[in-house]
Amino acid sequence: MKLSAPMPDDVQAVGVAGFFRDQGGAEWQLVIPKSHWKKTDPVKLIVTGNRMELMP
């Protein structure tokens, strides 16, 4: 999925929530600080099984 949205200058972070059928050991929330945002490259997430993480 690709999402693009303008962000106001005073925004400090973006929160992402995922919903999984199997919630055992799930990592379903992620906060992406503004320092990780890039003007040219999008922020990318990896979703594997019931885990969500920020791609380096």
N, C-alpha and C. Protein backbone atom coordinates (compact mmCIF):
# COMPACT_ATOMS: atom_id res chain seq x y z
N MET A 1 0.83 -1.15 0.00
CA MET A 1 0.00 0.00 0.00
C MET A 1 0.89 1.23 0.00
N LYS A 2 0.47 2.27 -0.68
CA LYS A 2 1.22 3.51 -0.71
C LYS A 2 0.30 4.63 -0.26
N LEU A 3 0.80 5.47 0.63
CA LEU A 3 0.01 6.57 1.15
C LEU A 3 0.86 7.82 1.10
N SER A 4 0.31 8.86 0.58
CA SER A 4 1.01 10.13 0.51
C SER A 4 0.07 11.22 1.02
N ALA A 5 0.55 11.99 1.98
CA ALA A 5 -0.28 13.05 2.53
C ALA A 5 0.61 14.20 2.97
N PRO A 6 0.18 15.43 2.72
CA PRO A 6 0.97 16.57 3.18
C PRO A 6 0.94 16.65 4.71
N MET A 7 2.06 17.06 5.29
CA MET A 7 2.16 17.17 6.74
C MET A 7 2.42 18.62 7.12
N PRO A 8 1.70 19.12 8.09
CA PRO A 8 1.99 20.47 8.59
C PRO A 8 3.40 20.52 9.19
N ASP A 9 4.00 21.69 9.18
CA ASP A 9 5.37 21.84 9.69
C ASP A 9 5.51 21.49 11.17
N ASP A 10 4.44 21.66 11.95
CA ASP A 10 4.54 21.42 13.39
C ASP A 10 4.30 19.97 13.80
N VAL A 11 4.07 19.08 12.85
CA VAL A 11 3.89 17.66 13.17
C VAL A 11 5.24 17.08 13.60
N GLN A 12 5.25 16.30 14.69
CA GLN A 12 6.49 15.73 15.22
C GLN A 12 6.64 14.24 14.95
N ALA A 13 5.53 13.54 14.70
CA ALA A 13 5.59 12.09 14.48
C ALA A 13 4.31 11.63 13.79
N VAL A 14 4.39 10.44 13.20
CA VAL A 14 3.22 9.79 12.59
C VAL A 14 3.06 8.43 13.26
N GLY A 15 1.85 8.10 13.63
CA GLY A 15 1.56 6.80 14.23
C GLY A 15 0.92 5.88 13.22
N VAL A 16 1.32 4.60 13.25
CA VAL A 16 0.76 3.59 12.35
C VAL A 16 0.27 2.44 13.22
N ALA A 17 -0.92 1.94 12.93
CA ALA A 17 -1.47 0.79 13.66
C ALA A 17 -1.83 -0.30 12.67
N GLY A 18 -1.49 -1.53 13.01
CA GLY A 18 -1.85 -2.69 12.19
C GLY A 18 -2.74 -3.62 13.00
N PHE A 19 -3.64 -4.29 12.33
CA PHE A 19 -4.56 -5.21 13.00
C PHE A 19 -4.32 -6.61 12.45
N PHE A 20 -3.99 -7.55 13.33
CA PHE A 20 -3.63 -8.90 12.93
C PHE A 20 -4.61 -9.90 13.53
N ARG A 21 -4.90 -10.96 12.80
CA ARG A 21 -5.79 -12.02 13.31
C ARG A 21 -5.16 -12.72 14.50
N ASP A 22 -3.88 -13.06 14.37
CA ASP A 22 -3.14 -13.70 15.47
C ASP A 22 -2.42 -12.61 16.23
N GLN A 23 -2.89 -12.30 17.44
CA GLN A 23 -2.31 -11.19 18.19
C GLN A 23 -1.21 -11.61 19.15
N GLY A 24 -0.93 -12.90 19.24
CA GLY A 24 0.13 -13.38 20.12
C GLY A 24 1.48 -12.87 19.66
N GLY A 25 2.14 -12.07 20.49
CA GLY A 25 3.45 -11.53 20.15
C GLY A 25 3.43 -10.47 19.07
N ALA A 26 2.25 -9.96 18.75
CA ALA A 26 2.13 -8.99 17.66
C ALA A 26 2.76 -7.65 18.05
N GLU A 27 3.40 -7.03 17.09
CA GLU A 27 3.88 -5.66 17.22
C GLU A 27 3.02 -4.85 16.27
N TRP A 28 1.96 -4.26 16.82
CA TRP A 28 0.91 -3.68 16.00
C TRP A 28 0.91 -2.17 15.94
N GLN A 29 1.82 -1.54 16.68
CA GLN A 29 1.87 -0.08 16.63
C GLN A 29 3.29 0.39 16.38
N LEU A 30 3.39 1.51 15.70
CA LEU A 30 4.69 2.04 15.33
C LEU A 30 4.58 3.55 15.28
N VAL A 31 5.55 4.25 15.86
CA VAL A 31 5.60 5.71 15.79
C VAL A 31 6.84 6.08 14.99
N ILE A 32 6.64 6.89 13.97
CA ILE A 32 7.75 7.30 13.11
C ILE A 32 8.04 8.77 13.40
N PRO A 33 9.18 9.06 14.05
CA PRO A 33 9.53 10.44 14.36
C PRO A 33 9.82 11.23 13.09
N LYS A 34 9.62 12.53 13.16
CA LYS A 34 9.85 13.40 12.01
C LYS A 34 11.29 13.30 11.51
N SER A 35 12.24 12.98 12.38
CA SER A 35 13.64 12.88 11.98
C SER A 35 13.87 11.75 10.98
N HIS A 36 12.94 10.78 10.87
CA HIS A 36 13.07 9.67 9.92
C HIS A 36 12.47 10.00 8.55
N TRP A 37 11.74 11.10 8.46
CA TRP A 37 11.11 11.46 7.19
C TRP A 37 12.15 12.04 6.25
N LYS A 38 12.04 11.69 5.00
CA LYS A 38 12.93 12.22 3.97
C LYS A 38 12.08 12.94 2.94
N LYS A 39 12.61 13.99 2.38
CA LYS A 39 11.83 14.75 1.39
C LYS A 39 11.74 14.02 0.06
N THR A 40 12.73 13.20 -0.28
CA THR A 40 12.74 12.54 -1.59
C THR A 40 12.31 11.09 -1.55
N ASP A 41 12.62 10.37 -0.46
CA ASP A 41 12.29 8.95 -0.36
C ASP A 41 11.18 8.75 0.66
N PRO A 42 10.22 7.89 0.38
CA PRO A 42 9.15 7.64 1.35
C PRO A 42 9.65 6.80 2.53
N VAL A 43 8.95 6.89 3.63
CA VAL A 43 9.19 6.01 4.77
C VAL A 43 8.62 4.65 4.38
N LYS A 44 9.37 3.58 4.62
CA LYS A 44 8.91 2.24 4.24
C LYS A 44 8.80 1.37 5.47
N LEU A 45 7.73 0.58 5.51
CA LEU A 45 7.49 -0.35 6.60
C LEU A 45 7.56 -1.77 6.07
N ILE A 46 7.98 -2.69 6.92
CA ILE A 46 7.98 -4.11 6.59
C ILE A 46 6.96 -4.78 7.50
N VAL A 47 6.04 -5.53 6.91
CA VAL A 47 5.07 -6.30 7.69
C VAL A 47 5.33 -7.77 7.41
N THR A 48 5.72 -8.51 8.45
CA THR A 48 6.00 -9.94 8.33
C THR A 48 5.24 -10.66 9.42
N GLY A 49 4.38 -11.59 9.02
CA GLY A 49 3.57 -12.30 10.01
C GLY A 49 2.70 -11.32 10.76
N ASN A 50 2.94 -11.21 12.07
CA ASN A 50 2.18 -10.26 12.87
C ASN A 50 3.08 -9.18 13.48
N ARG A 51 4.11 -8.81 12.72
CA ARG A 51 5.05 -7.78 13.16
C ARG A 51 5.15 -6.68 12.12
N MET A 52 5.28 -5.47 12.59
CA MET A 52 5.42 -4.31 11.73
C MET A 52 6.67 -3.56 12.20
N GLU A 53 7.56 -3.22 11.27
CA GLU A 53 8.77 -2.49 11.65
C GLU A 53 9.18 -1.52 10.55
N LEU A 54 9.95 -0.53 10.94
CA LEU A 54 10.45 0.47 10.02
C LEU A 54 11.62 -0.10 9.24
N MET A 55 11.58 0.04 7.92
CA MET A 55 12.67 -0.45 7.07
C MET A 55 13.83 0.52 7.16
N PRO A 56 15.04 0.01 7.37
CA PRO A 56 16.21 0.91 7.49
C PRO A 56 16.54 1.62 6.18
